[in-house]
Protein backbone atom coordinates (compact mmCIF):
# COMPACT_ATOMS: atom_id res chain seq x y z
CA MET A 1 -197.65 -88.23 160.28
CA LYS A 2 -197.31 -88.71 156.63
CA LYS A 3 -198.25 -92.70 155.34
CA ASN A 4 -195.23 -93.55 154.17
CA SER A 5 -193.81 -92.91 157.34
CA LEU A 6 -196.84 -94.45 158.97
CA GLY A 7 -196.26 -97.30 157.17
CA TRP A 8 -192.01 -97.52 157.68
CA LEU A 9 -193.69 -97.03 161.23
CA ILE A 10 -195.85 -100.39 161.34
CA LYS A 11 -193.87 -102.17 159.57
CA ALA A 12 -190.98 -101.50 161.94
CA VAL A 13 -192.85 -102.35 164.90
CA THR A 14 -193.80 -105.25 163.52
CA ILE A 15 -190.32 -106.57 163.39
CA LEU A 16 -189.23 -105.68 166.31
CA MET A 17 -192.34 -107.02 168.48
CA THR A 18 -191.35 -110.19 166.33
CA LEU A 19 -187.97 -110.17 167.05
CA LEU A 20 -188.72 -109.96 170.66
CA ILE A 21 -191.84 -112.81 170.85
CA VAL A 22 -189.12 -115.25 168.86
CA GLY A 23 -186.44 -114.73 171.64
CA PHE A 24 -188.98 -115.04 174.48
CA VAL A 25 -189.80 -118.31 173.00
CA LEU A 26 -185.89 -118.90 172.26
CA TYR A 27 -185.30 -118.47 176.06
CA GLY A 28 -188.46 -120.06 177.36
CA LEU A 29 -187.20 -123.06 175.59
CA LYS A 30 -183.50 -123.14 176.77
CA GLN A 31 -185.33 -122.15 180.60
CA GLY A 32 -187.75 -125.39 180.24
CA ILE A 33 -190.78 -122.67 181.13
CA PHE A 34 -192.50 -124.56 178.62
CA SER A 35 -191.48 -128.03 179.16
CA SER A 36 -194.26 -128.91 181.60
CA ASP A 37 -198.04 -127.26 182.58
CA LYS A 38 -195.81 -126.74 186.14
CA SER A 39 -193.31 -125.14 185.16
CA LEU A 40 -195.14 -122.06 183.10
CA PHE A 41 -197.29 -122.29 186.48
CA LEU A 42 -194.71 -121.26 188.39
CA TYR A 43 -193.25 -119.01 185.42
CA ILE A 44 -196.23 -117.07 185.45
CA LYS A 45 -196.72 -116.66 189.39
CA GLN A 46 -193.33 -115.03 189.74
CA PHE A 47 -194.68 -112.02 188.28
CA GLY A 48 -197.74 -111.39 191.00
CA ILE A 49 -199.76 -108.75 190.12
CA ILE A 50 -199.02 -108.70 186.05
CA GLY A 51 -198.30 -112.46 185.98
CA PRO A 52 -202.07 -112.07 183.92
CA PHE A 53 -201.05 -109.75 180.93
CA VAL A 54 -197.38 -111.80 181.14
CA PHE A 55 -199.88 -114.91 180.56
CA LEU A 56 -202.06 -113.46 177.77
CA ILE A 57 -198.56 -112.80 175.50
CA ILE A 58 -197.24 -116.19 176.37
CA GLN A 59 -201.30 -117.18 175.07
CA MET A 60 -201.10 -115.42 172.32
CA ILE A 61 -197.11 -116.62 171.33
CA GLN A 62 -198.03 -120.63 171.48
CA VAL A 63 -200.85 -119.92 168.83
CA VAL A 64 -198.42 -118.47 166.62
CA PHE A 65 -195.41 -119.94 166.81
CA PRO A 66 -196.89 -123.80 167.89
CA VAL A 67 -193.80 -124.10 169.92
CA ILE A 68 -195.92 -124.40 174.07
CA PRO A 69 -197.61 -127.03 174.47
CA GLY A 70 -201.78 -125.27 174.11
CA GLY A 71 -202.52 -127.70 176.73
CA ALA A 72 -199.64 -126.91 178.83
CA SER A 73 -200.24 -123.52 178.15
CA CYS A 74 -204.52 -123.39 179.32
CA LEU A 75 -204.35 -125.60 182.44
CA ALA A 76 -201.39 -123.77 183.33
CA GLY A 77 -203.43 -120.90 183.45
CA VAL A 78 -206.64 -122.31 185.96
CA LEU A 79 -203.77 -123.06 188.13
CA ALA A 80 -202.53 -119.72 187.77
CA PHE A 81 -205.95 -118.12 187.99
CA GLY A 82 -208.23 -119.99 189.23
CA GLY A 83 -211.52 -121.24 186.69
CA PHE A 84 -212.70 -118.31 186.36
CA TRP A 85 -210.16 -116.05 185.70
CA GLY A 86 -207.78 -118.97 184.07
CA PHE A 87 -210.45 -119.43 181.31
CA ILE A 88 -210.81 -115.64 180.47
CA TYR A 89 -207.25 -115.44 180.34
CA ASN A 90 -207.24 -118.33 177.99
CA TYR A 91 -209.96 -117.07 175.91
CA ILE A 92 -208.89 -113.41 175.09
CA GLY A 93 -204.76 -115.05 174.91
CA LEU A 94 -205.77 -117.99 172.04
CA THR A 95 -208.57 -115.45 170.47
CA ILE A 96 -205.47 -112.29 169.80
CA GLY A 97 -202.84 -114.99 168.71
CA SER A 98 -205.65 -117.20 166.88
CA ILE A 99 -206.14 -113.69 164.91
CA PHE A 100 -202.84 -113.03 164.08
CA ALA A 101 -202.10 -116.41 163.15
CA PHE A 102 -204.85 -116.12 160.53
CA PHE A 103 -203.32 -112.34 159.31
CA LEU A 104 -199.55 -113.93 158.93
CA SER A 105 -201.24 -116.74 157.20
CA ARG A 106 -203.36 -114.35 155.19
CA LYS A 107 -199.50 -112.52 154.24
CA PHE A 108 -197.37 -114.80 154.48
CA GLY A 109 -199.38 -117.63 152.85
CA LEU A 110 -197.94 -121.52 152.16
CA SER A 111 -194.13 -121.25 153.06
CA LEU A 112 -194.67 -119.90 156.65
CA ILE A 113 -197.33 -122.36 158.09
CA GLU A 114 -194.84 -125.07 156.64
CA LYS A 115 -192.23 -123.27 159.33
CA PHE A 116 -194.12 -124.61 161.75
CA PHE A 117 -196.20 -128.17 161.25
CA LYS A 118 -195.57 -131.06 159.56
CA GLU A 119 -196.01 -131.14 155.86
CA GLU A 120 -198.74 -134.44 156.27
CA THR A 121 -200.58 -132.81 158.92
CA ILE A 122 -200.80 -129.20 156.06
CA GLN A 123 -201.55 -132.29 154.12
CA LYS A 124 -204.34 -133.73 155.90
CA TYR A 125 -206.52 -130.53 156.23
CA LEU A 126 -205.35 -128.74 152.88
CA LYS A 127 -207.16 -131.01 151.26
CA TYR A 128 -210.70 -129.06 152.88
CA ILE A 129 -210.25 -126.09 151.66
CA ARG A 130 -210.68 -127.31 148.25
CA THR A 131 -214.44 -128.16 149.67
CA LYS A 132 -216.87 -126.40 150.80
CA LYS A 133 -216.22 -128.73 153.81
CA PHE A 134 -213.56 -125.84 155.54
CA ASP A 135 -216.11 -124.17 157.52
CA LYS A 136 -217.01 -126.47 158.82
CA VAL A 137 -213.89 -128.72 160.18
CA PHE A 138 -212.66 -125.32 161.05
CA PHE A 139 -215.20 -124.55 163.27
CA LEU A 140 -215.31 -128.46 165.09
CA GLY A 141 -211.59 -128.04 165.24
CA ILE A 142 -212.24 -125.00 167.24
CA LEU A 143 -214.57 -126.26 169.12
CA PHE A 144 -213.29 -129.52 169.97
CA PRO A 145 -210.10 -130.33 172.07
CA GLY A 146 -207.29 -132.20 171.23
CA ALA A 147 -207.44 -130.85 167.37
CA PRO A 148 -204.95 -128.86 165.61
CA ASP A 149 -206.80 -125.85 166.53
CA ASP A 150 -203.08 -123.87 165.87
CA LEU A 151 -202.98 -124.97 162.38
CA LEU A 152 -206.82 -124.28 161.39
CA CYS A 153 -206.16 -121.17 161.73
CA TYR A 154 -202.81 -121.10 160.07
CA ILE A 155 -205.04 -122.14 157.04
CA ALA A 156 -207.51 -120.90 157.56
CA GLY A 157 -205.47 -117.49 156.47
CA ILE A 158 -204.59 -119.12 153.28
CA SER A 159 -208.64 -120.17 152.31
CA LYS A 160 -210.92 -118.62 151.56
CA MET A 161 -212.67 -117.95 154.34
CA LYS A 162 -214.26 -114.19 155.40
CA PHE A 163 -211.56 -112.88 158.35
CA GLN A 164 -215.65 -112.21 160.10
CA THR A 165 -216.27 -115.93 159.34
CA PHE A 166 -212.89 -116.78 161.25
CA LEU A 167 -213.95 -114.04 163.82
CA ILE A 168 -217.31 -115.64 164.78
CA TYR A 169 -216.22 -118.84 164.33
CA ILE A 170 -213.24 -118.38 167.07
CA LEU A 171 -215.06 -116.86 169.99
CA LEU A 172 -217.89 -119.23 169.64
CA GLY A 173 -215.66 -122.20 169.32
CA LYS A 174 -213.34 -121.81 171.88
CA PRO A 175 -215.14 -121.45 174.81
CA LEU A 176 -216.47 -125.09 174.82
CA THR A 177 -212.88 -125.90 174.39
CA LEU A 178 -211.58 -124.29 177.66
CA ILE A 179 -214.08 -125.30 179.58
CA PHE A 180 -213.10 -128.26 179.25
CA TYR A 181 -209.55 -127.68 179.68
CA SER A 182 -210.85 -125.29 183.24
CA LEU A 183 -212.88 -128.05 184.81
CA PHE A 184 -210.51 -130.64 184.35
CA ALA A 185 -207.14 -128.22 185.91
CA ASP A 186 -210.11 -127.11 188.80
CA TYR A 187 -210.47 -130.80 189.90
CA PHE A 188 -206.96 -131.62 189.25
CA TYR A 189 -205.82 -129.58 191.46
CA LEU A 190 -208.58 -130.47 193.72
CA ILE A 191 -207.74 -133.83 194.07
CA PHE A 192 -203.77 -133.81 193.79
CA ARG A 193 -203.20 -130.17 196.14
């Protein structure tokens, strides 16, 4: 296959996948799939054996298109698959989604980030990429629950951070947050079942 044909094929697949993802997000929003961890849990469970694959895609999407509440999807994963497998599926899906966000912003820049996040929130974190503190802010944002980690992944893409550094921070920082969500969901399930 010629290099031009391969480049065209990659672009066509990227456009098709983007359209499918956007379509799924719009469908999910319209159907209320993403409105709570319970509705997401019920949606995932209906897929039976391919539920984990569907969940991985949802987790990747919720990072790239941050319209799905991340905490709700993490909790839904633990409720659907248990603490251990919920953690594993969350970790894989969120890591892949974070990588996509990094490369999308590296390719399309600040204009893409401005489509997903509030200007004031973006500016709050953009000031750090002009200093040497961004790596530390990024790692702490990935490490602790409740931080805008999706936004930070996008901002990392427009910073001078090398991809290898980004990946190490994601791989090391994500587990603590996910363990928190996994323990919380397991506890919640035991109390209220």
